[in-house]
Structure formats: structure tokens, C-alpha cells
């Protein structure tokens, strides 16, 4: 959160001309984005990093929607008018670079890594958001103790970006929302004192934080981690077929273990799909006992 929570004489996240935008955003953040893309390519994580199969309910679109409204209402159009169209476009592109770089690192590589390690989705959201906030803790050397407020607010915003990824199904969407969010924030640092539009962003953070606390159990209802510690999510099944995990909501499951047929409540299931295979060749495994499972869709 640039300078909205720091002293008035702070120089953090202030890009007053095109030269500072190019040097401070295009070059440094552009290189960071490139490093992230190379990392994803080397690890072979293109799909898990950029595509989200564990979609959240539609009501969670509330988070990115409120953020977009805050962006529209909080941008300092007066400051941008004073700077001109060229500067505005360059700042916008630079902020989108920030979205690409940071989302790729935390909601792309970070989410994938924690899932592969067997973390539940609640812990994936928690730790990627905490690390996102701590990544901004280096500002304490230039901003002083006030940087701790930035760390907290940034960590909370990280959760909103995580929700954006999961509800949209695409990392690119959270990249765009993140970039526009920073763009709106930065426009308020172009004047002294800081533009009043920054209050809109702070209000949006507070409102969404309250919503997040109230709805936490709906977002993370306590299902077992769909990524097993044997790495079936992005790994290899016992028969050697590479699989991809997909959430299938609204399916009833029953274990087919001999003499022990146990009904499991309606909810997400793990569906193993051989790479390159067609839908009829779907294999399923019970996520609780690991034995093959059959799916029964609810009546109606």
C-alpha cells in the first residue's frame, strides 16, 4: 500500500515522471516477470500456475467487484490530467507489470508449491498471503515502523487476489485486478498531500476484510485437501498415468471397498484424468480411502 499508510514526506512508490516509471517499474518489475515465467517453464507448471480448477462459488465475485469499484472511484483523475496521456499509459503498463510479477510469484508459483506440499486450501491462502505481505517488509528500512502497517494491509489484499484467482479460474484475472489496484493507488501519490482517493481503497480493504472474516467457513468448508501427499494432483498414479485433479461439485461418492460401502456427503471429489485422454476414460479414486470410487449424481 504505497504511501497511504506512510509519512507525508515518504518517497516510497512515487513515480513522478516517465523516466522514473521506466526505471522503477518497466525495467525492475519487467525483469521480475521474466524470471517468474522462466521459473514456471522450467518447473512445467503452466497449467497449475495459470488455470484454477477449484472454483469458488459465484458470490465470491464480490471481492474483485468491490476492488474494481474502488479503483474506478479512487483513481486521482486530476493528478493524471496534470501528467498527460503518455505518462498515464506508461504508469498503467508499469502497474500491470507489477500484477504479472507478483501474482505469478505468489498466486501462481506459491499456490502451486503449497498445494504440491499437501497443504489444505485454507493454509494455501493463509501462507501465500502472509508471504506476500512479508515480501513488502523490506520497506521498513526506508519507511520505518510505519511499514508494518503496509505489511498487514498488503497481506490482507493478497487474500483478495487469491479469491479472485479461484473464483475467476484464471491467474490472468488476478494479475489484471492487481495491476489496476496498484495503478489507482499510485495515482494518489502524485500530489502532496496524498490524494483523498486513497481513502476509497482503505475503505474497500476494511469492508472486504470484514466480509472475508464472516464468510471464511463458506470459502473453506473443511474439506480434506484434494491434493494428497503422494502428489497425485500433479504427479503419477500407481499405474503410471499422469493425472490432473479437478473439482466436481454436487457429486455423491460411495466407497466400493468390499463389505464396507460408506456414503460420503455431497461435495467436491478428486477426479483423475489421464493426460490427453477423453472424458470416457476418466478414473476416480475415493479421496478418503484411496480405493477406486463410484460417483452417483444426486436425483434431479
C-alpha atoms as a PDB file:
ATOM      1  CA  UNK A   1       0.000   0.000   0.000  1.00  0.00           C
ATOM      2  CA  UNK A   2       2.014   2.950  -1.253  1.00  0.00           C
ATOM      3  CA  UNK A   3       2.306   5.994   0.956  1.00  0.00           C
ATOM      4  CA  UNK A   4      -1.338   5.869   2.000  1.00  0.00           C
ATOM      5  CA  UNK A   5      -0.135   4.493   5.324  1.00  0.00           C
ATOM      6  CA  UNK A   6       3.267   6.198   5.499  1.00  0.00           C
ATOM      7  CA  UNK A   7       4.530   9.685   6.428  1.00  0.00           C
ATOM      8  CA  UNK A   8       3.790  12.559   4.074  1.00  0.00           C
ATOM      9  CA  UNK A   9       7.469  13.020   3.214  1.00  0.00           C
ATOM     10  CA  UNK A  10       7.904   9.366   2.198  1.00  0.00           C
ATOM     11  CA  UNK A  11       9.350   8.596  -1.240  1.00  0.00           C
ATOM     12  CA  UNK A  12       8.027   5.056  -1.450  1.00  0.00           C
ATOM     13  CA  UNK A  13       6.147   4.103  -4.645  1.00  0.00           C
ATOM     14  CA  UNK A  14       6.264   7.606  -6.094  1.00  0.00           C
ATOM     15  CA  UNK A  15       6.828   7.823  -9.841  1.00  0.00           C
ATOM     16  CA  UNK A  16       6.635  11.473 -10.766  1.00  0.00           C
ATOM     17  CA  UNK A  17       7.784  11.323 -14.404  1.00  0.00           C
ATOM     18  CA  UNK A  18       8.164   8.916 -17.309  1.00  0.00           C
ATOM     19  CA  UNK A  19      11.848   8.311 -16.529  1.00  0.00           C
ATOM     20  CA  UNK A  20      11.065   7.076 -13.009  1.00  0.00           C
ATOM     21  CA  UNK A  21       8.245   4.898 -14.374  1.00  0.00           C
ATOM     22  CA  UNK A  22      10.565   3.241 -16.881  1.00  0.00           C
ATOM     23  CA  UNK A  23      13.417   2.779 -14.424  1.00  0.00           C
ATOM     24  CA  UNK A  24      11.344   1.941 -11.358  1.00  0.00           C
ATOM     25  CA  UNK A  25       8.620  -0.184 -12.938  1.00  0.00           C
ATOM     26  CA  UNK A  26       9.211  -1.253 -16.504  1.00  0.00           C
ATOM     27  CA  UNK A  27      12.791  -2.420 -16.034  1.00  0.00           C
ATOM     28  CA  UNK A  28      12.834  -3.828 -12.500  1.00  0.00           C
ATOM     29  CA  UNK A  29       9.350  -5.362 -12.449  1.00  0.00           C
ATOM     30  CA  UNK A  30       9.642  -6.448 -16.077  1.00  0.00           C
ATOM     31  CA  UNK A  31      12.762  -8.442 -15.222  1.00  0.00           C
ATOM     32  CA  UNK A  32      10.922  -9.954 -12.246  1.00  0.00           C
ATOM     33  CA  UNK A  33       8.074 -11.031 -14.519  1.00  0.00           C
ATOM     34  CA  UNK A  34      10.524 -12.647 -16.924  1.00  0.00           C
ATOM     35  CA  UNK A  35      12.224 -14.555 -14.106  1.00  0.00           C
ATOM     36  CA  UNK A  36       8.838 -15.807 -12.914  1.00  0.00           C
ATOM     37  CA  UNK A  37       7.863 -17.013 -16.388  1.00  0.00           C
ATOM     38  CA  UNK A  38      11.181 -18.806 -16.814  1.00  0.00           C
ATOM     39  CA  UNK A  39      10.690 -20.479 -13.423  1.00  0.00           C
ATOM     40  CA  UNK A  40       7.231 -21.719 -14.400  1.00  0.00           C
ATOM     41  CA  UNK A  41       8.589 -23.015 -17.707  1.00  0.00           C
ATOM     42  CA  UNK A  42      11.458 -24.894 -16.046  1.00  0.00           C
ATOM     43  CA  UNK A  43       9.118 -26.481 -13.485  1.00  0.00           C
ATOM     44  CA  UNK A  44       6.494 -27.265 -16.106  1.00  0.00           C
ATOM     45  CA  UNK A  45       3.757 -25.633 -14.043  1.00  0.00           C
ATOM     46  CA  UNK A  46       1.988 -23.698 -16.809  1.00  0.00           C
ATOM     47  CA  UNK A  47      -1.457 -25.172 -16.195  1.00  0.00           C
ATOM     48  CA  UNK A  48      -1.485 -25.341 -12.364  1.00  0.00           C
ATOM     49  CA  UNK A  49       0.012 -21.852 -12.134  1.00  0.00           C
ATOM     50  CA  UNK A  50      -2.335 -20.170 -14.599  1.00  0.00           C
ATOM     51  CA  UNK A  51      -5.515 -22.286 -14.537  1.00  0.00           C
ATOM     52  CA  UNK A  52      -7.635 -22.728 -11.416  1.00  0.00           C
ATOM     53  CA  UNK A  53      -9.755 -25.898 -11.291  1.00  0.00           C
ATOM     54  CA  UNK A  54     -11.010 -25.342  -7.751  1.00  0.00           C
ATOM     55  CA  UNK A  55     -13.515 -22.635  -8.492  1.00  0.00           C
ATOM     56  CA  UNK A  56     -15.238 -20.814  -5.662  1.00  0.00           C
ATOM     57  CA  UNK A  57     -18.995 -20.068  -5.580  1.00  0.00           C
ATOM     58  CA  UNK A  58     -20.186 -17.182  -7.717  1.00  0.00           C
ATOM     59  CA  UNK A  59     -20.933 -14.956  -4.735  1.00  0.00           C
ATOM     60  CA  UNK A  60     -17.180 -14.584  -4.158  1.00  0.00           C
ATOM     61  CA  UNK A  61     -17.075 -12.392  -7.273  1.00  0.00           C
ATOM     62  CA  UNK A  62     -17.966  -9.798  -4.643  1.00  0.00           C
ATOM     63  CA  UNK A  63     -14.260  -9.440  -3.806  1.00  0.00           C
ATOM     64  CA  UNK A  64     -12.910  -8.451  -7.249  1.00  0.00           C
ATOM     65  CA  UNK A  65     -16.104  -6.484  -7.951  1.00  0.00           C
ATOM     66  CA  UNK A  66     -15.640  -4.292  -4.868  1.00  0.00           C
ATOM     67  CA  UNK A  67     -11.979  -3.828  -5.758  1.00  0.00           C
ATOM     68  CA  UNK A  68     -12.857  -2.688  -9.284  1.00  0.00           C
ATOM     69  CA  UNK A  69     -15.432  -0.240  -7.926  1.00  0.00           C
ATOM     70  CA  UNK A  70     -12.796   1.118  -5.520  1.00  0.00           C
ATOM     71  CA  UNK A  71     -10.355   1.507  -8.405  1.00  0.00           C
ATOM     72  CA  UNK A  72     -12.846   3.467 -10.503  1.00  0.00           C
ATOM     73  CA  UNK A  73     -13.808   5.672  -7.576  1.00  0.00           C
ATOM     74  CA  UNK A  74     -10.328   6.041  -6.087  1.00  0.00           C
ATOM     75  CA  UNK A  75      -8.170   6.921  -9.094  1.00  0.00           C
ATOM     76  CA  UNK A  76      -6.894  10.511  -8.897  1.00  0.00           C
ATOM     77  CA  UNK A  77      -8.041  11.701 -12.312  1.00  0.00           C
ATOM     78  CA  UNK A  78      -6.883  15.225 -11.551  1.00  0.00           C
ATOM     79  CA  UNK A  79      -3.292  14.092 -10.990  1.00  0.00           C
ATOM     80  CA  UNK A  80      -3.349  12.063 -14.208  1.00  0.00           C
ATOM     81  CA  UNK A  81      -4.744  15.027 -16.129  1.00  0.00           C
ATOM     82  CA  UNK A  82      -1.812  17.127 -14.950  1.00  0.00           C
ATOM     83  CA  UNK A  83       0.662  14.428 -16.052  1.00  0.00           C
ATOM     84  CA  UNK A  84      -0.785  13.848 -19.511  1.00  0.00           C
ATOM     85  CA  UNK A  85      -1.797  10.818 -21.577  1.00  0.00           C
ATOM     86  CA  UNK A  86       1.718   9.490 -22.257  1.00  0.00           C
ATOM     87  CA  UNK A  87       2.600   9.343 -18.580  1.00  0.00           C
ATOM     88  CA  UNK A  88      -0.784   7.791 -17.712  1.00  0.00           C
ATOM     89  CA  UNK A  89      -0.380   4.959 -20.223  1.00  0.00           C
ATOM     90  CA  UNK A  90       3.205   4.292 -19.169  1.00  0.00           C
ATOM     91  CA  UNK A  91       2.206   4.139 -15.493  1.00  0.00           C
ATOM     92  CA  UNK A  92      -0.684   1.803 -16.335  1.00  0.00           C
ATOM     93  CA  UNK A  93       1.586  -0.592 -18.229  1.00  0.00           C
ATOM     94  CA  UNK A  94       4.148  -0.483 -15.419  1.00  0.00           C
ATOM     95  CA  UNK A  95       1.486  -1.334 -12.829  1.00  0.00           C
ATOM     96  CA  UNK A  96       0.252  -4.229 -14.956  1.00  0.00           C
ATOM     97  CA  UNK A  97       3.846  -5.495 -14.903  1.00  0.00           C
ATOM     98  CA  UNK A  98       3.603  -5.443 -11.103  1.00  0.00           C
ATOM     99  CA  UNK A  99       0.420  -7.508 -11.309  1.00  0.00           C
ATOM    100  CA  UNK A 100       2.059 -10.067 -13.567  1.00  0.00           C
ATOM    101  CA  UNK A 101       5.217 -10.335 -11.472  1.00  0.00           C
ATOM    102  CA  UNK A 102       3.667 -10.534  -8.004  1.00  0.00           C
ATOM    103  CA  UNK A 103       0.671 -12.682  -8.916  1.00  0.00           C
ATOM    104  CA  UNK A 104       2.874 -15.113 -10.796  1.00  0.00           C
ATOM    105  CA  UNK A 105       5.163 -15.410  -7.779  1.00  0.00           C
ATOM    106  CA  UNK A 106       2.548 -15.727  -5.027  1.00  0.00           C
ATOM    107  CA  UNK A 107      -0.782 -16.816  -6.550  1.00  0.00           C
ATOM    108  CA  UNK A 108       0.881 -18.814  -9.333  1.00  0.00           C
ATOM    109  CA  UNK A 109       4.102 -20.455  -8.173  1.00  0.00           C
ATOM    110  CA  UNK A 110       3.283 -20.036  -4.473  1.00  0.00           C
ATOM    111  CA  UNK A 111      -0.193 -21.595  -4.635  1.00  0.00           C
ATOM    112  CA  UNK A 112       1.071 -24.477  -6.769  1.00  0.00           C
ATOM    113  CA  UNK A 113       4.018 -25.183  -4.472  1.00  0.00           C
ATOM    114  CA  UNK A 114       1.900 -25.232  -1.298  1.00  0.00           C
ATOM    115  CA  UNK A 115      -0.676 -27.489  -2.924  1.00  0.00           C
ATOM    116  CA  UNK A 116       2.015 -29.911  -4.038  1.00  0.00           C
ATOM    117  CA  UNK A 117       3.285 -29.954  -0.455  1.00  0.00           C
ATOM    118  CA  UNK A 118      -0.143 -31.207   0.644  1.00  0.00           C
ATOM    119  CA  UNK A 119      -1.425 -28.043   2.334  1.00  0.00           C
ATOM    120  CA  UNK A 120      -5.182 -27.581   2.692  1.00  0.00           C
ATOM    121  CA  UNK A 121      -6.650 -24.689   0.725  1.00  0.00           C
ATOM    122  CA  UNK A 122      -7.097 -22.651   3.890  1.00  0.00           C
ATOM    123  CA  UNK A 123      -3.388 -22.898   4.610  1.00  0.00           C
ATOM    124  CA  UNK A 124      -2.534 -22.223   0.975  1.00  0.00           C
ATOM    125  CA  UNK A 125      -4.497 -18.969   1.155  1.00  0.00           C
ATOM    126  CA  UNK A 126      -3.010 -18.086   4.548  1.00  0.00           C
ATOM    127  CA  UNK A 127       0.654 -18.660   3.793  1.00  0.00           C
ATOM    128  CA  UNK A 128       0.684 -17.183   0.294  1.00  0.00           C
ATOM    129  CA  UNK A 129      -0.953 -14.053   1.718  1.00  0.00           C
ATOM    130  CA  UNK A 130       1.445 -13.884   4.685  1.00  0.00           C
ATOM    131  CA  UNK A 131       4.473 -14.272   2.421  1.00  0.00           C
ATOM    132  CA  UNK A 132       3.038 -11.637   0.082  1.00  0.00           C
ATOM    133  CA  UNK A 133       2.847  -9.219   2.985  1.00  0.00           C
ATOM    134  CA  UNK A 134       6.304 -10.092   4.309  1.00  0.00           C
ATOM    135  CA  UNK A 135       7.786  -9.511   0.850  1.00  0.00           C
ATOM    136  CA  UNK A 136       6.992  -5.830   1.430  1.00  0.00           C
ATOM    137  CA  UNK A 137       8.628  -5.802   4.867  1.00  0.00           C
ATOM    138  CA  UNK A 138      11.893  -4.587   3.323  1.00  0.00           C
ATOM    139  CA  UNK A 139      10.263  -1.155   3.217  1.00  0.00           C
ATOM    140  CA  UNK A 140      10.875  -0.917   6.948  1.00  0.00           C
ATOM    141  CA  UNK A 141      14.451   0.164   6.154  1.00  0.00           C
ATOM    142  CA  UNK A 142      13.217   3.242   4.276  1.00  0.00           C
ATOM    143  CA  UNK A 143       9.779   3.850   5.792  1.00  0.00           C
ATOM    144  CA  UNK A 144      10.407   2.951   9.414  1.00  0.00           C
ATOM    145  CA  UNK A 145       7.912   1.281  11.718  1.00  0.00           C
ATOM    146  CA  UNK A 146       5.009   2.513   9.582  1.00  0.00           C
ATOM    147  CA  UNK A 147       5.968  -0.149   7.038  1.00  0.00           C
ATOM    148  CA  UNK A 148       4.439  -2.751   9.371  1.00  0.00           C
ATOM    149  CA  UNK A 149       1.033  -1.319   8.512  1.00  0.00           C
ATOM    150  CA  UNK A 150       1.845  -1.790   4.841  1.00  0.00           C
ATOM    151  CA  UNK A 151       2.787  -5.420   5.507  1.00  0.00           C
ATOM    152  CA  UNK A 152      -0.548  -6.114   7.205  1.00  0.00           C
ATOM    153  CA  UNK A 153      -2.673  -4.353   4.575  1.00  0.00           C
ATOM    154  CA  UNK A 154      -0.734  -5.994   1.751  1.00  0.00           C
ATOM    155  CA  UNK A 155      -1.211  -9.437   3.290  1.00  0.00           C
ATOM    156  CA  UNK A 156      -4.966  -8.829   3.530  1.00  0.00           C
ATOM    157  CA  UNK A 157      -5.063  -7.667  -0.097  1.00  0.00           C
ATOM    158  CA  UNK A 158      -3.173 -10.836  -1.008  1.00  0.00           C
ATOM    159  CA  UNK A 159      -6.136 -12.871   0.210  1.00  0.00           C
ATOM    160  CA  UNK A 160      -8.454 -10.852  -2.056  1.00  0.00           C
ATOM    161  CA  UNK A 161      -6.225 -11.626  -5.037  1.00  0.00           C
ATOM    162  CA  UNK A 162      -6.238 -15.305  -4.049  1.00  0.00           C
ATOM    163  CA  UNK A 163     -10.043 -15.302  -4.043  1.00  0.00           C
ATOM    164  CA  UNK A 164     -10.015 -13.538  -7.422  1.00  0.00           C
ATOM    165  CA  UNK A 165      -7.885 -16.324  -8.886  1.00  0.00           C
ATOM    166  CA  UNK A 166     -10.152 -19.037  -7.524  1.00  0.00           C
ATOM    167  CA  UNK A 167     -13.488 -17.505  -8.483  1.00  0.00           C
ATOM    168  CA  UNK A 168     -12.376 -16.493 -11.988  1.00  0.00           C
ATOM    169  CA  UNK A 169     -10.452 -19.680 -12.730  1.00  0.00           C
ATOM    170  CA  UNK A 170      -7.592 -17.717 -14.282  1.00  0.00           C
ATOM    171  CA  UNK A 171      -4.434 -16.233 -12.781  1.00  0.00           C
ATOM    172  CA  UNK A 172      -4.530 -13.599 -15.528  1.00  0.00           C
ATOM    173  CA  UNK A 173      -7.668 -12.085 -13.984  1.00  0.00           C
ATOM    174  CA  UNK A 174      -5.979 -11.591 -10.604  1.00  0.00           C
ATOM    175  CA  UNK A 175      -2.959 -10.143 -12.444  1.00  0.00           C
ATOM    176  CA  UNK A 176      -5.154  -7.513 -14.108  1.00  0.00           C
ATOM    177  CA  UNK A 177      -7.067  -6.653 -10.929  1.00  0.00           C
ATOM    178  CA  UNK A 178      -3.782  -6.397  -9.014  1.00  0.00           C
ATOM    179  CA  UNK A 179      -2.229  -4.146 -11.646  1.00  0.00           C
ATOM    180  CA  UNK A 180      -5.259  -1.835 -11.779  1.00  0.00           C
ATOM    181  CA  UNK A 181      -5.397  -1.735  -7.964  1.00  0.00           C
ATOM    182  CA  UNK A 182      -1.779  -0.557  -7.779  1.00  0.00           C
ATOM    183  CA  UNK A 183      -2.389   1.898 -10.611  1.00  0.00           C
ATOM    184  CA  UNK A 184      -5.222   3.501  -8.672  1.00  0.00           C
ATOM    185  CA  UNK A 185      -3.112   3.659  -5.527  1.00  0.00           C
ATOM    186  CA  UNK A 186      -0.102   5.164  -7.273  1.00  0.00           C
ATOM    187  CA  UNK A 187      -2.141   7.950  -8.868  1.00  0.00           C
ATOM    188  CA  UNK A 188      -2.883   9.233  -5.375  1.00  0.00           C
ATOM    189  CA  UNK A 189       0.820   9.552  -4.540  1.00  0.00           C
ATOM    190  CA  UNK A 190       1.432  12.081  -7.334  1.00  0.00           C
ATOM    191  CA  UNK A 191       0.320  15.005  -5.216  1.00  0.00           C
ATOM    192  CA  UNK A 192       1.168  16.373  -1.786  1.00  0.00           C
ATOM    193  CA  UNK A 193      -0.663  15.706   0.408  1.00  0.00           C
ATOM    194  CA  UNK A 194      -1.705  12.270  -0.819  1.00  0.00           C
ATOM    195  CA  UNK A 195      -4.904  12.278  -2.860  1.00  0.00           C
ATOM    196  CA  UNK A 196      -8.159  11.700  -0.987  1.00  0.00           C
ATOM    197  CA  UNK A 197      -8.966   8.878  -3.392  1.00  0.00           C
ATOM    198  CA  UNK A 198      -6.676   6.736  -1.269  1.00  0.00           C
ATOM    199  CA  UNK A 199      -9.378   6.658   1.385  1.00  0.00           C
ATOM    200  CA  UNK A 200     -11.596   4.748  -1.043  1.00  0.00           C
ATOM    201  CA  UNK A 201      -9.009   1.980  -1.245  1.00  0.00           C
ATOM    202  CA  UNK A 202      -8.630   1.833   2.519  1.00  0.00           C
ATOM    203  CA  UNK A 203     -12.412   1.659   2.938  1.00  0.00           C
ATOM    204  CA  UNK A 204     -12.608  -1.164   0.380  1.00  0.00           C
ATOM    205  CA  UNK A 205      -9.886  -3.061   2.268  1.00  0.00           C
ATOM    206  CA  UNK A 206     -11.763  -2.728   5.549  1.00  0.00           C
ATOM    207  CA  UNK A 207     -15.114  -3.778   4.078  1.00  0.00           C
ATOM    208  CA  UNK A 208     -13.675  -6.794   2.272  1.00  0.00           C
ATOM    209  CA  UNK A 209     -11.664  -7.812   5.337  1.00  0.00           C
ATOM    210  CA  UNK A 210     -14.898  -7.923   7.358  1.00  0.00           C
ATOM    211  CA  UNK A 211     -16.618  -9.926   4.609  1.00  0.00           C
ATOM    212  CA  UNK A 212     -13.653 -12.305   4.483  1.00  0.00           C
ATOM    213  CA  UNK A 213     -13.818 -12.953   8.231  1.00  0.00           C
ATOM    214  CA  UNK A 214     -17.586 -13.518   8.205  1.00  0.00           C
ATOM    215  CA  UNK A 215     -17.502 -15.860   5.203  1.00  0.00           C
ATOM    216  CA  UNK A 216     -14.280 -17.747   5.930  1.00  0.00           C
ATOM    217  CA  UNK A 217     -16.085 -21.035   6.646  1.00  0.00           C
ATOM    218  CA  UNK A 218     -18.031 -20.801   3.404  1.00  0.00           C
ATOM    219  CA  UNK A 219     -14.862 -20.330   1.393  1.00  0.00           C
ATOM    220  CA  UNK A 220     -13.046 -23.110   3.267  1.00  0.00           C
ATOM    221  CA  UNK A 221     -15.770 -25.516   4.452  1.00  0.00           C
ATOM    222  CA  UNK A 222     -13.332 -28.012   5.946  1.00  0.00           C
ATOM    223  CA  UNK A 223     -12.932 -30.485   3.099  1.00  0.00           C
ATOM    224  CA  UNK A 224      -9.861 -32.656   3.199  1.00  0.00           C
ATOM    225  CA  UNK A 225      -7.066 -31.432   0.966  1.00  0.00           C
ATOM    226  CA  UNK A 226      -7.743 -32.599  -2.572  1.00  0.00           C
ATOM    227  CA  UNK A 227      -4.023 -32.683  -3.163  1.00  0.00           C
ATOM    228  CA  UNK A 228      -2.677 -35.805  -1.473  1.00  0.00           C
ATOM    229  CA  UNK A 229       0.798 -36.065  -0.080  1.00  0.00           C
ATOM    230  CA  UNK A 230       1.592 -38.750  -2.648  1.00  0.00           C
ATOM    231  CA  UNK A 231       1.384 -35.908  -5.180  1.00  0.00           C
ATOM    232  CA  UNK A 232      -1.490 -37.370  -7.172  1.00  0.00           C
ATOM    233  CA  UNK A 233      -2.637 -33.875  -8.044  1.00  0.00           C
ATOM    234  CA  UNK A 234       0.225 -33.169 -10.418  1.00  0.00           C
ATOM    235  CA  UNK A 235       2.026 -36.486 -10.136  1.00  0.00           C
ATOM    236  CA  UNK A 236       1.727 -40.093 -11.183  1.00  0.00           C
ATOM    237  CA  UNK A 237      -0.879 -42.643 -10.196  1.00  0.00           C
ATOM    238  CA  UNK A 238       0.233 -46.204  -9.327  1.00  0.00           C
ATOM    239  CA  UNK A 239      -0.475 -47.388 -12.885  1.00  0.00           C
ATOM    240  CA  UNK A 240       1.904 -44.772 -14.276  1.00  0.00           C
ATOM    241  CA  UNK A 241      -0.692 -42.463 -15.801  1.00  0.00           C
ATOM    242  CA  UNK A 242      -0.182 -38.761 -15.212  1.00  0.00           C
ATOM    243  CA  UNK A 243      -3.295 -37.199 -13.747  1.00  0.00           C
ATOM    244  CA  UNK A 244      -4.889 -33.836 -13.297  1.00  0.00           C
ATOM    245  CA  UNK A 245      -7.121 -33.026 -10.348  1.00  0.00           C
ATOM    246  CA  UNK A 246     -10.487 -31.453 -10.940  1.00  0.00           C
ATOM    247  CA  UNK A 247     -13.230 -30.463  -8.512  1.00  0.00           C
ATOM    248  CA  UNK A 248     -16.627 -31.882  -9.378  1.00  0.00           C
ATOM    249  CA  UNK A 249     -19.249 -30.155  -7.188  1.00  0.00           C
ATOM    250  CA  UNK A 250     -22.545 -31.740  -6.337  1.00  0.00           C
ATOM    251  CA  UNK A 251     -21.489 -35.384  -6.699  1.00  0.00           C
ATOM    252  CA  UNK A 252     -22.244 -38.038  -4.115  1.00  0.00           C
ATOM    253  CA  UNK A 253     -19.487 -40.584  -3.551  1.00  0.00           C
ATOM    254  CA  UNK A 254     -19.556 -44.080  -2.147  1.00  0.00           C
ATOM    255  CA  UNK A 255     -16.546 -46.248  -1.351  1.00  0.00           C
ATOM    256  CA  UNK A 256     -16.607 -49.541  -3.196  1.00  0.00           C
ATOM    257  CA  UNK A 257     -14.379 -51.384  -0.731  1.00  0.00           C
ATOM    258  CA  UNK A 258     -15.715 -54.914  -0.307  1.00  0.00           C
ATOM    259  CA  UNK A 259     -18.176 -55.110   2.562  1.00  0.00           C
ATOM    260  CA  UNK A 260     -17.663 -51.504   3.542  1.00  0.00           C
ATOM    261  CA  UNK A 261     -19.817 -49.277   1.391  1.00  0.00           C
ATOM    262  CA  UNK A 262     -19.790 -45.862   3.040  1.00  0.00           C
ATOM    263  CA  UNK A 263     -21.831 -42.953   1.750  1.00  0.00           C
ATOM    264  CA  UNK A 264     -19.979 -39.637   1.702  1.00  0.00           C
ATOM    265  CA  UNK A 265     -21.893 -36.301   1.742  1.00  0.00           C
ATOM    266  CA  UNK A 266     -22.282 -34.301  -1.435  1.00  0.00           C
ATOM    267  CA  UNK A 267     -19.227 -32.219  -2.184  1.00  0.00           C
ATOM    268  CA  UNK A 268     -16.073 -31.854  -4.293  1.00  0.00           C
ATOM    269  CA  UNK A 269     -14.295 -35.003  -5.400  1.00  0.00           C
ATOM    270  CA  UNK A 270     -10.895 -35.778  -6.866  1.00  0.00           C
ATOM    271  CA  UNK A 271     -11.144 -36.908 -10.449  1.00  0.00           C
ATOM    272  CA  UNK A 272      -8.039 -38.376 -12.067  1.00  0.00           C
ATOM    273  CA  UNK A 273      -7.908 -37.773 -15.802  1.00  0.00           C
ATOM    274  CA  UNK A 274      -5.067 -39.365 -17.821  1.00  0.00           C
ATOM    275  CA  UNK A 275      -3.173 -36.730 -19.768  1.00  0.00           C
ATOM    276  CA  UNK A 276      -4.548 -36.422 -23.289  1.00  0.00           C
ATOM    277  CA  UNK A 277      -7.388 -38.817 -22.539  1.00  0.00           C
ATOM    278  CA  UNK A 278     -11.010 -38.293 -23.475  1.00  0.00           C
ATOM    279  CA  UNK A 279     -13.845 -37.996 -20.998  1.00  0.00           C
ATOM    280  CA  UNK A 280     -14.971 -41.680 -21.155  1.00  0.00           C
ATOM    281  CA  UNK A 281     -11.596 -42.839 -19.815  1.00  0.00           C
ATOM    282  CA  UNK A 282     -11.964 -40.971 -16.522  1.00  0.00           C
ATOM    283  CA  UNK A 283     -10.644 -42.842 -13.476  1.00  0.00           C
ATOM    284  CA  UNK A 284     -11.839 -41.987  -9.982  1.00  0.00           C
ATOM    285  CA  UNK A 285     -10.407 -42.643  -6.572  1.00  0.00           C
ATOM    286  CA  UNK A 286     -12.012 -42.159  -3.189  1.00  0.00           C
ATOM    287  CA  UNK A 287     -10.079 -39.271  -1.549  1.00  0.00           C
ATOM    288  CA  UNK A 288     -10.561 -40.816   1.904  1.00  0.00           C
ATOM    289  CA  UNK A 289      -9.528 -44.448   1.495  1.00  0.00           C
ATOM    290  CA  UNK A 290      -7.711 -44.194  -1.860  1.00  0.00           C
ATOM    291  CA  UNK A 291      -9.632 -47.145  -3.295  1.00  0.00           C
ATOM    292  CA  UNK A 292     -11.499 -46.782  -6.607  1.00  0.00           C
ATOM    293  CA  UNK A 293     -14.780 -44.958  -6.072  1.00  0.00           C
ATOM    294  CA  UNK A 294     -18.016 -44.665  -7.959  1.00  0.00           C
ATOM    295  CA  UNK A 295     -19.895 -41.416  -8.356  1.00  0.00           C
ATOM    296  CA  UNK A 296     -23.629 -41.055  -8.005  1.00  0.00           C
ATOM    297  CA  UNK A 297     -25.121 -37.759  -9.026  1.00  0.00           C
ATOM    298  CA  UNK A 298     -27.996 -36.528  -6.830  1.00  0.00           C
ATOM    299  CA  UNK A 299     -31.503 -37.033  -8.125  1.00  0.00           C
ATOM    300  CA  UNK A 300     -32.962 -34.154 -10.082  1.00  0.00           C
END
